[in-house]
Amino acid sequence: MSEIKEIVEDENKIDTVIAEDIEFRGTLKFKNSLKIKGRFEGRIVSDGQLIIGRESAISADVNAAIVSVSGTVNGKIRASKKIEMFKKSRINADLISPEIVMESGSVFNGTCIMDAE
């Protein structure tokens, strides 16, 4: 988990960053890694890693390989590899993933399905 935490904190290792002053609605598709620091509402689809920053607020159906959450998410998260919830994250969502990591201090309300596929 420390390797992923390093990636979350070092924005130079992330392909694209959506800044904190940006509000976006719609469908967002990307291939590699993306960090959202602002607000997003809609649908996110990716084969890569989605990083949800500490100050961000997301209301979306998310489908990605790895989803790392430090901010707030409402909706549904499906990850083909892993969902990570870091300290002070707030997730009100249904989770589907083969691996879920929850750091002490994170808040999760919803259903959780550990799906091996």
N, C-alpha and C. Protein backbone atom coordinates (compact mmCIF):
# COMPACT_ATOMS: atom_id res chain seq x y z
N MET A 1 0.81 -1.19 0.00
CA MET A 1 0.00 0.00 0.00
C MET A 1 0.86 1.26 0.00
N SER A 2 2.06 1.23 0.54
CA SER A 2 2.90 2.43 0.58
C SER A 2 3.29 2.88 -0.82
N GLU A 3 3.46 1.97 -1.77
CA GLU A 3 3.79 2.33 -3.14
C GLU A 3 2.65 3.14 -3.76
N ILE A 4 1.41 2.72 -3.56
CA ILE A 4 0.26 3.45 -4.10
C ILE A 4 0.13 4.80 -3.42
N LYS A 5 0.36 4.88 -2.12
CA LYS A 5 0.27 6.14 -1.38
C LYS A 5 1.26 7.15 -1.95
N GLU A 6 2.45 6.67 -2.33
CA GLU A 6 3.46 7.55 -2.92
C GLU A 6 2.95 8.11 -4.25
N ILE A 7 2.31 7.29 -5.07
CA ILE A 7 1.78 7.74 -6.35
C ILE A 7 0.68 8.77 -6.13
N VAL A 8 -0.17 8.55 -5.15
CA VAL A 8 -1.26 9.48 -4.86
C VAL A 8 -0.70 10.85 -4.47
N GLU A 9 0.37 10.89 -3.72
CA GLU A 9 0.92 12.15 -3.24
C GLU A 9 1.83 12.84 -4.26
N ASP A 10 2.45 12.13 -5.18
CA ASP A 10 3.36 12.72 -6.15
C ASP A 10 2.65 12.88 -7.49
N GLU A 11 2.17 14.09 -7.77
CA GLU A 11 1.42 14.34 -9.00
C GLU A 11 2.27 14.24 -10.25
N ASN A 12 3.60 14.28 -10.12
CA ASN A 12 4.47 14.13 -11.29
C ASN A 12 4.40 12.72 -11.88
N LYS A 13 3.91 11.77 -11.10
CA LYS A 13 3.80 10.39 -11.57
C LYS A 13 2.43 10.07 -12.14
N ILE A 14 1.55 11.08 -12.21
CA ILE A 14 0.18 10.91 -12.71
C ILE A 14 0.09 11.53 -14.09
N ASP A 15 -0.54 10.83 -15.03
CA ASP A 15 -0.64 11.33 -16.40
C ASP A 15 -1.44 12.62 -16.52
N THR A 16 -2.60 12.71 -15.86
CA THR A 16 -3.47 13.88 -15.96
C THR A 16 -4.02 14.24 -14.59
N VAL A 17 -4.08 15.56 -14.31
CA VAL A 17 -4.64 16.05 -13.05
C VAL A 17 -5.71 17.08 -13.38
N ILE A 18 -6.91 16.88 -12.84
CA ILE A 18 -7.98 17.87 -12.96
C ILE A 18 -7.93 18.70 -11.69
N ALA A 19 -7.63 19.99 -11.83
CA ALA A 19 -7.37 20.87 -10.69
C ALA A 19 -8.60 21.10 -9.82
N GLU A 20 -8.35 21.62 -8.62
CA GLU A 20 -9.41 21.81 -7.64
C GLU A 20 -10.44 22.86 -8.04
N ASP A 21 -10.11 23.77 -8.95
CA ASP A 21 -11.07 24.81 -9.34
C ASP A 21 -11.94 24.40 -10.53
N ILE A 22 -11.87 23.14 -10.94
CA ILE A 22 -12.64 22.66 -12.10
C ILE A 22 -13.84 21.83 -11.64
N GLU A 23 -15.00 22.13 -12.22
CA GLU A 23 -16.21 21.33 -12.03
C GLU A 23 -16.56 20.74 -13.38
N PHE A 24 -16.78 19.42 -13.42
CA PHE A 24 -16.98 18.72 -14.68
C PHE A 24 -18.18 17.80 -14.57
N ARG A 25 -19.02 17.79 -15.61
CA ARG A 25 -20.17 16.88 -15.66
C ARG A 25 -20.15 16.15 -16.99
N GLY A 26 -20.52 14.86 -16.94
CA GLY A 26 -20.59 14.08 -18.17
C GLY A 26 -19.94 12.73 -18.01
N THR A 27 -19.42 12.22 -19.12
CA THR A 27 -18.73 10.94 -19.13
C THR A 27 -17.25 11.20 -19.34
N LEU A 28 -16.42 10.65 -18.48
CA LEU A 28 -14.98 10.83 -18.53
C LEU A 28 -14.34 9.48 -18.80
N LYS A 29 -13.55 9.40 -19.89
CA LYS A 29 -12.84 8.17 -20.24
C LYS A 29 -11.36 8.47 -20.35
N PHE A 30 -10.53 7.56 -19.80
CA PHE A 30 -9.08 7.72 -19.88
C PHE A 30 -8.43 6.34 -19.82
N LYS A 31 -7.14 6.27 -20.20
CA LYS A 31 -6.46 4.97 -20.28
C LYS A 31 -5.45 4.73 -19.17
N ASN A 32 -4.70 5.72 -18.74
CA ASN A 32 -3.61 5.48 -17.80
C ASN A 32 -3.97 5.89 -16.37
N SER A 33 -3.51 7.05 -15.93
CA SER A 33 -3.83 7.50 -14.57
C SER A 33 -4.39 8.92 -14.60
N LEU A 34 -5.33 9.16 -13.70
CA LEU A 34 -6.00 10.46 -13.61
C LEU A 34 -6.25 10.78 -12.15
N LYS A 35 -5.96 12.02 -11.77
CA LYS A 35 -6.28 12.48 -10.42
C LYS A 35 -7.29 13.61 -10.54
N ILE A 36 -8.38 13.49 -9.80
CA ILE A 36 -9.39 14.54 -9.76
C ILE A 36 -9.27 15.25 -8.41
N LYS A 37 -9.03 16.56 -8.48
CA LYS A 37 -8.93 17.36 -7.27
C LYS A 37 -10.15 18.28 -7.12
N GLY A 38 -10.94 18.40 -8.20
CA GLY A 38 -12.11 19.26 -8.19
C GLY A 38 -13.39 18.48 -7.97
N ARG A 39 -14.45 18.90 -8.66
CA ARG A 39 -15.76 18.25 -8.54
C ARG A 39 -16.11 17.58 -9.86
N PHE A 40 -16.74 16.40 -9.75
CA PHE A 40 -17.15 15.67 -10.95
C PHE A 40 -18.51 15.02 -10.69
N GLU A 41 -19.35 15.05 -11.73
CA GLU A 41 -20.66 14.40 -11.66
C GLU A 41 -20.91 13.69 -12.98
N GLY A 42 -21.25 12.42 -12.93
CA GLY A 42 -21.54 11.68 -14.15
C GLY A 42 -21.06 10.24 -14.12
N ARG A 43 -20.19 9.91 -15.09
CA ARG A 43 -19.73 8.53 -15.26
C ARG A 43 -18.25 8.55 -15.60
N ILE A 44 -17.48 7.65 -14.99
CA ILE A 44 -16.04 7.54 -15.25
C ILE A 44 -15.74 6.11 -15.67
N VAL A 45 -15.03 5.98 -16.81
CA VAL A 45 -14.68 4.67 -17.35
C VAL A 45 -13.19 4.65 -17.69
N SER A 46 -12.48 3.62 -17.19
CA SER A 46 -11.04 3.54 -17.45
C SER A 46 -10.50 2.14 -17.22
N ASP A 47 -9.38 1.85 -17.88
CA ASP A 47 -8.61 0.64 -17.60
C ASP A 47 -7.43 0.97 -16.70
N GLY A 48 -7.31 2.22 -16.30
CA GLY A 48 -6.18 2.67 -15.51
C GLY A 48 -6.56 2.96 -14.07
N GLN A 49 -5.78 3.87 -13.45
CA GLN A 49 -5.99 4.21 -12.04
C GLN A 49 -6.65 5.58 -11.92
N LEU A 50 -7.71 5.63 -11.13
CA LEU A 50 -8.39 6.88 -10.79
C LEU A 50 -8.01 7.24 -9.36
N ILE A 51 -7.52 8.46 -9.18
CA ILE A 51 -7.14 8.95 -7.87
C ILE A 51 -8.07 10.12 -7.54
N ILE A 52 -8.78 9.99 -6.45
CA ILE A 52 -9.73 11.03 -6.04
C ILE A 52 -9.09 11.78 -4.88
N GLY A 53 -8.74 13.03 -5.14
CA GLY A 53 -7.99 13.85 -4.18
C GLY A 53 -8.76 14.18 -2.92
N ARG A 54 -8.04 14.64 -1.94
CA ARG A 54 -8.57 14.91 -0.61
C ARG A 54 -9.71 15.93 -0.61
N GLU A 55 -9.65 16.97 -1.39
CA GLU A 55 -10.66 18.02 -1.40
C GLU A 55 -11.75 17.79 -2.46
N SER A 56 -11.66 16.72 -3.21
CA SER A 56 -12.60 16.49 -4.31
C SER A 56 -13.94 15.93 -3.83
N ALA A 57 -14.96 16.16 -4.67
CA ALA A 57 -16.30 15.62 -4.42
C ALA A 57 -16.79 15.00 -5.72
N ILE A 58 -17.05 13.71 -5.70
CA ILE A 58 -17.44 12.96 -6.88
C ILE A 58 -18.82 12.35 -6.68
N SER A 59 -19.71 12.57 -7.64
CA SER A 59 -21.01 11.89 -7.67
C SER A 59 -21.06 11.17 -9.00
N ALA A 60 -20.74 9.87 -9.00
CA ALA A 60 -20.58 9.19 -10.28
C ALA A 60 -20.66 7.68 -10.14
N ASP A 61 -20.90 7.05 -11.28
CA ASP A 61 -20.69 5.62 -11.43
C ASP A 61 -19.28 5.47 -11.97
N VAL A 62 -18.42 4.81 -11.21
CA VAL A 62 -17.01 4.69 -11.55
C VAL A 62 -16.69 3.26 -11.91
N ASN A 63 -15.96 3.08 -13.01
CA ASN A 63 -15.50 1.76 -13.43
C ASN A 63 -14.05 1.92 -13.87
N ALA A 64 -13.10 1.42 -13.06
CA ALA A 64 -11.67 1.56 -13.37
C ALA A 64 -10.93 0.34 -12.82
N ALA A 65 -9.65 0.23 -13.17
CA ALA A 65 -8.84 -0.87 -12.66
C ALA A 65 -8.55 -0.68 -11.18
N ILE A 66 -8.01 0.50 -10.83
CA ILE A 66 -7.70 0.83 -9.44
C ILE A 66 -8.35 2.17 -9.13
N VAL A 67 -9.04 2.23 -7.99
CA VAL A 67 -9.65 3.48 -7.55
C VAL A 67 -9.10 3.80 -6.16
N SER A 68 -8.40 4.93 -6.04
CA SER A 68 -7.81 5.37 -4.77
C SER A 68 -8.54 6.62 -4.32
N VAL A 69 -9.15 6.56 -3.13
CA VAL A 69 -10.02 7.65 -2.67
C VAL A 69 -9.46 8.30 -1.42
N SER A 70 -9.27 9.63 -1.51
CA SER A 70 -8.94 10.42 -0.33
C SER A 70 -10.03 11.45 -0.05
N GLY A 71 -10.90 11.70 -1.03
CA GLY A 71 -11.97 12.69 -0.90
C GLY A 71 -13.32 12.06 -0.64
N THR A 72 -14.37 12.64 -1.27
CA THR A 72 -15.75 12.19 -1.08
C THR A 72 -16.30 11.60 -2.37
N VAL A 73 -16.94 10.43 -2.27
CA VAL A 73 -17.55 9.79 -3.43
C VAL A 73 -18.97 9.34 -3.08
N ASN A 74 -19.90 9.68 -3.96
CA ASN A 74 -21.28 9.20 -3.88
C ASN A 74 -21.57 8.49 -5.20
N GLY A 75 -22.17 7.31 -5.14
CA GLY A 75 -22.49 6.59 -6.38
C GLY A 75 -22.18 5.12 -6.29
N LYS A 76 -21.46 4.63 -7.30
CA LYS A 76 -21.10 3.22 -7.36
C LYS A 76 -19.67 3.12 -7.88
N ILE A 77 -18.86 2.27 -7.24
CA ILE A 77 -17.48 2.08 -7.67
C ILE A 77 -17.26 0.61 -7.99
N ARG A 78 -16.82 0.35 -9.22
CA ARG A 78 -16.44 -1.00 -9.63
C ARG A 78 -14.97 -0.93 -10.07
N ALA A 79 -14.12 -1.72 -9.41
CA ALA A 79 -12.70 -1.75 -9.75
C ALA A 79 -12.31 -3.17 -10.11
N SER A 80 -11.64 -3.34 -11.23
CA SER A 80 -11.25 -4.69 -11.66
C SER A 80 -10.07 -5.22 -10.84
N LYS A 81 -9.28 -4.33 -10.21
CA LYS A 81 -8.14 -4.77 -9.40
C LYS A 81 -8.29 -4.43 -7.92
N LYS A 82 -8.52 -3.12 -7.61
CA LYS A 82 -8.49 -2.74 -6.19
C LYS A 82 -9.17 -1.39 -5.96
N ILE A 83 -9.80 -1.27 -4.79
CA ILE A 83 -10.32 0.00 -4.29
C ILE A 83 -9.57 0.31 -3.00
N GLU A 84 -9.03 1.53 -2.91
CA GLU A 84 -8.31 1.96 -1.71
C GLU A 84 -9.03 3.16 -1.11
N MET A 85 -9.25 3.11 0.20
CA MET A 85 -9.89 4.21 0.91
C MET A 85 -8.89 4.72 1.94
N PHE A 86 -8.43 5.95 1.74
CA PHE A 86 -7.43 6.51 2.63
C PHE A 86 -8.07 7.32 3.75
N LYS A 87 -7.28 7.64 4.76
CA LYS A 87 -7.73 8.38 5.94
C LYS A 87 -8.49 9.63 5.52
N LYS A 88 -9.61 9.89 6.16
CA LYS A 88 -10.50 11.03 5.96
C LYS A 88 -11.33 10.94 4.67
N SER A 89 -11.25 9.83 3.95
CA SER A 89 -12.13 9.67 2.78
C SER A 89 -13.55 9.38 3.26
N ARG A 90 -14.54 9.80 2.46
CA ARG A 90 -15.95 9.57 2.77
C ARG A 90 -16.59 8.95 1.55
N ILE A 91 -17.00 7.69 1.66
CA ILE A 91 -17.59 6.98 0.53
C ILE A 91 -19.01 6.56 0.88
N ASN A 92 -19.97 7.07 0.11
CA ASN A 92 -21.36 6.65 0.20
C ASN A 92 -21.66 6.00 -1.14
N ALA A 93 -21.28 4.75 -1.27
CA ALA A 93 -21.35 4.09 -2.56
C ALA A 93 -21.38 2.59 -2.38
N ASP A 94 -21.83 1.91 -3.42
CA ASP A 94 -21.73 0.46 -3.48
C ASP A 94 -20.38 0.14 -4.11
N LEU A 95 -19.65 -0.80 -3.53
CA LEU A 95 -18.31 -1.17 -3.99
C LEU A 95 -18.31 -2.58 -4.54
N ILE A 96 -17.66 -2.76 -5.68
CA ILE A 96 -17.45 -4.09 -6.26
C ILE A 96 -15.99 -4.17 -6.69
N SER A 97 -15.24 -5.09 -6.09
CA SER A 97 -13.83 -5.22 -6.40
C SER A 97 -13.28 -6.51 -5.78
N PRO A 98 -12.25 -7.11 -6.39
CA PRO A 98 -11.66 -8.30 -5.78
C PRO A 98 -10.82 -7.97 -4.55
N GLU A 99 -10.36 -6.70 -4.43
CA GLU A 99 -9.54 -6.31 -3.28
C GLU A 99 -9.97 -4.92 -2.82
N ILE A 100 -10.19 -4.78 -1.51
CA ILE A 100 -10.58 -3.50 -0.93
C ILE A 100 -9.69 -3.23 0.27
N VAL A 101 -9.06 -2.05 0.28
CA VAL A 101 -8.17 -1.65 1.36
C VAL A 101 -8.78 -0.42 2.02
N MET A 102 -9.00 -0.49 3.34
CA MET A 102 -9.61 0.63 4.06
C MET A 102 -8.67 1.07 5.18
N GLU A 103 -8.16 2.27 5.05
CA GLU A 103 -7.27 2.82 6.07
C GLU A 103 -8.09 3.33 7.26
N SER A 104 -7.54 3.23 8.44
CA SER A 104 -8.21 3.72 9.64
C SER A 104 -8.50 5.21 9.48
N GLY A 105 -9.73 5.61 9.81
CA GLY A 105 -10.13 7.00 9.68
C GLY A 105 -10.96 7.28 8.45
N SER A 106 -11.12 6.28 7.57
CA SER A 106 -11.99 6.44 6.41
C SER A 106 -13.42 6.09 6.80
N VAL A 107 -14.39 6.64 6.05
CA VAL A 107 -15.80 6.39 6.33
C VAL A 107 -16.42 5.74 5.10
N PHE A 108 -17.11 4.60 5.30
CA PHE A 108 -17.75 3.89 4.20
C PHE A 108 -19.18 3.55 4.58
N ASN A 109 -20.13 3.96 3.74
CA ASN A 109 -21.54 3.61 3.90
C ASN A 109 -22.02 3.07 2.57
N GLY A 110 -22.46 1.84 2.54
CA GLY A 110 -22.93 1.22 1.32
C GLY A 110 -22.79 -0.29 1.39
N THR A 111 -22.90 -0.93 0.23
CA THR A 111 -22.71 -2.37 0.17
C THR A 111 -21.35 -2.66 -0.45
N CYS A 112 -20.84 -3.83 -0.13
CA CYS A 112 -19.51 -4.21 -0.60
C CYS A 112 -19.59 -5.64 -1.14
N ILE A 113 -19.13 -5.82 -2.37
CA ILE A 113 -19.09 -7.15 -2.97
C ILE A 113 -17.65 -7.42 -3.39
N MET A 114 -17.07 -8.48 -2.83
CA MET A 114 -15.72 -8.88 -3.20
C MET A 114 -15.82 -9.87 -4.34
N ASP A 115 -15.68 -9.34 -5.55
CA ASP A 115 -15.86 -10.11 -6.77
C ASP A 115 -14.49 -10.47 -7.34
N ALA A 116 -14.22 -11.76 -7.52
CA ALA A 116 -12.93 -12.21 -8.01
C ALA A 116 -12.74 -11.96 -9.50
N GLU A 117 -13.78 -11.68 -10.24
CA GLU A 117 -13.64 -11.49 -11.69
C GLU A 117 -13.33 -10.06 -12.03
